[in-house]
Amino acid sequence: MSGVNAKNEIRYILVTRTLEDMAQAGFLTAEELAVAKHLAVQKYRPSAVWE
């Protein structure tokens, strides 16, 4: 895994965990969470999602 891919993987994990925490705290609906996670996949393209 290259350095850029590793950074993107870490960023993706941090973003999705933050989004999930926000949803659990009531700041995001389930629909908003799904859309936000989809956008995170598009932005960071973690290899684990694509394998």
N, C-alpha and C. Protein backbone atom coordinates (compact mmCIF):
# COMPACT_ATOMS: atom_id res chain seq x y z
N MET A 1 0.86 -1.18 0.00
CA MET A 1 0.00 0.00 0.00
C MET A 1 0.90 1.23 0.00
N SER A 2 0.61 2.14 -0.88
CA SER A 2 1.42 3.35 -0.95
C SER A 2 1.04 4.30 0.18
N GLY A 3 1.88 5.31 0.38
CA GLY A 3 1.63 6.29 1.43
C GLY A 3 0.33 7.04 1.23
N VAL A 4 0.01 7.38 -0.01
CA VAL A 4 -1.24 8.10 -0.29
C VAL A 4 -2.43 7.22 0.03
N ASN A 5 -2.37 5.95 -0.36
CA ASN A 5 -3.47 5.03 -0.06
C ASN A 5 -3.65 4.85 1.43
N ALA A 6 -2.55 4.75 2.17
CA ALA A 6 -2.62 4.58 3.62
C ALA A 6 -3.26 5.80 4.26
N LYS A 7 -2.88 6.98 3.81
CA LYS A 7 -3.47 8.21 4.35
C LYS A 7 -4.96 8.26 4.06
N ASN A 8 -5.35 7.88 2.85
CA ASN A 8 -6.76 7.89 2.50
C ASN A 8 -7.54 6.87 3.30
N GLU A 9 -6.96 5.72 3.56
CA GLU A 9 -7.62 4.69 4.39
C GLU A 9 -7.87 5.25 5.79
N ILE A 10 -6.85 5.89 6.36
CA ILE A 10 -6.98 6.46 7.71
C ILE A 10 -8.02 7.57 7.72
N ARG A 11 -7.97 8.43 6.73
CA ARG A 11 -8.95 9.51 6.65
C ARG A 11 -10.37 8.95 6.54
N TYR A 12 -10.53 7.93 5.71
CA TYR A 12 -11.85 7.31 5.54
C TYR A 12 -12.36 6.75 6.87
N ILE A 13 -11.51 6.05 7.58
CA ILE A 13 -11.90 5.47 8.87
C ILE A 13 -12.30 6.56 9.85
N LEU A 14 -11.50 7.62 9.93
CA LEU A 14 -11.80 8.71 10.85
C LEU A 14 -13.12 9.41 10.49
N VAL A 15 -13.31 9.66 9.21
CA VAL A 15 -14.53 10.33 8.77
C VAL A 15 -15.76 9.47 9.05
N THR A 16 -15.70 8.19 8.70
CA THR A 16 -16.88 7.35 8.90
C THR A 16 -17.18 7.15 10.39
N ARG A 17 -16.16 7.02 11.21
CA ARG A 17 -16.41 6.89 12.65
C ARG A 17 -17.03 8.17 13.21
N THR A 18 -16.55 9.31 12.75
CA THR A 18 -17.11 10.58 13.20
C THR A 18 -18.56 10.70 12.75
N LEU A 19 -18.84 10.34 11.51
CA LEU A 19 -20.21 10.38 11.00
C LEU A 19 -21.12 9.46 11.82
N GLU A 20 -20.65 8.27 12.12
CA GLU A 20 -21.46 7.33 12.90
C GLU A 20 -21.72 7.85 14.30
N ASP A 21 -20.70 8.47 14.90
CA ASP A 21 -20.88 9.08 16.23
C ASP A 21 -21.91 10.22 16.17
N MET A 22 -21.83 11.01 15.11
CA MET A 22 -22.78 12.11 14.95
C MET A 22 -24.21 11.59 14.80
N ALA A 23 -24.36 10.51 14.04
CA ALA A 23 -25.68 9.91 13.85
C ALA A 23 -26.20 9.37 15.18
N GLN A 24 -25.34 8.72 15.92
CA GLN A 24 -25.76 8.16 17.20
C GLN A 24 -26.16 9.27 18.18
N ALA A 25 -25.51 10.43 18.08
CA ALA A 25 -25.82 11.55 18.96
C ALA A 25 -27.05 12.33 18.48
N GLY A 26 -27.57 11.97 17.31
CA GLY A 26 -28.78 12.61 16.82
C GLY A 26 -28.55 13.79 15.88
N PHE A 27 -27.32 14.00 15.47
CA PHE A 27 -27.02 15.11 14.56
C PHE A 27 -27.28 14.78 13.09
N LEU A 28 -27.34 13.49 12.77
CA LEU A 28 -27.61 13.04 11.40
C LEU A 28 -28.71 11.99 11.42
N THR A 29 -29.57 12.02 10.40
CA THR A 29 -30.56 10.95 10.25
C THR A 29 -29.86 9.76 9.58
N ALA A 30 -30.55 8.65 9.54
CA ALA A 30 -29.99 7.46 8.88
C ALA A 30 -29.74 7.75 7.40
N GLU A 31 -30.65 8.48 6.78
CA GLU A 31 -30.49 8.82 5.36
C GLU A 31 -29.28 9.74 5.15
N GLU A 32 -29.14 10.73 6.01
CA GLU A 32 -27.99 11.65 5.92
C GLU A 32 -26.68 10.90 6.13
N LEU A 33 -26.68 9.96 7.06
CA LEU A 33 -25.49 9.16 7.32
C LEU A 33 -25.11 8.35 6.08
N ALA A 34 -26.08 7.73 5.46
CA ALA A 34 -25.82 6.93 4.26
C ALA A 34 -25.24 7.79 3.15
N VAL A 35 -25.81 8.97 2.94
CA VAL A 35 -25.31 9.87 1.90
C VAL A 35 -23.89 10.32 2.23
N ALA A 36 -23.65 10.68 3.47
CA ALA A 36 -22.32 11.15 3.88
C ALA A 36 -21.27 10.05 3.72
N LYS A 37 -21.63 8.82 4.06
CA LYS A 37 -20.69 7.71 3.90
C LYS A 37 -20.40 7.47 2.42
N HIS A 38 -21.41 7.60 1.59
CA HIS A 38 -21.21 7.44 0.15
C HIS A 38 -20.24 8.51 -0.36
N LEU A 39 -20.40 9.74 0.10
CA LEU A 39 -19.49 10.81 -0.31
C LEU A 39 -18.07 10.55 0.18
N ALA A 40 -17.94 9.99 1.37
CA ALA A 40 -16.61 9.65 1.90
C ALA A 40 -15.94 8.59 1.04
N VAL A 41 -16.71 7.61 0.59
CA VAL A 41 -16.16 6.57 -0.29
C VAL A 41 -15.68 7.20 -1.58
N GLN A 42 -16.49 8.11 -2.15
CA GLN A 42 -16.10 8.77 -3.39
C GLN A 42 -14.82 9.59 -3.22
N LYS A 43 -14.71 10.27 -2.10
CA LYS A 43 -13.56 11.16 -1.89
C LYS A 43 -12.28 10.37 -1.60
N TYR A 44 -12.36 9.40 -0.70
CA TYR A 44 -11.15 8.72 -0.24
C TYR A 44 -10.88 7.40 -0.93
N ARG A 45 -11.89 6.80 -1.54
CA ARG A 45 -11.76 5.53 -2.26
C ARG A 45 -10.89 4.50 -1.51
N PRO A 46 -11.30 4.12 -0.31
CA PRO A 46 -10.51 3.14 0.43
C PRO A 46 -10.51 1.79 -0.29
N SER A 47 -9.37 1.18 -0.35
CA SER A 47 -9.26 -0.09 -1.09
C SER A 47 -10.10 -1.19 -0.46
N ALA A 48 -10.30 -1.17 0.83
CA ALA A 48 -11.10 -2.20 1.50
C ALA A 48 -12.54 -2.18 1.01
N VAL A 49 -13.04 -1.03 0.61
CA VAL A 49 -14.41 -0.93 0.11
C VAL A 49 -14.51 -1.55 -1.26
N TRP A 50 -13.45 -1.48 -2.04
CA TRP A 50 -13.49 -1.91 -3.43
C TRP A 50 -13.05 -3.35 -3.62
N GLU A 51 -12.50 -3.98 -2.59
CA GLU A 51 -12.02 -5.36 -2.74
C GLU A 51 -13.10 -6.35 -2.44
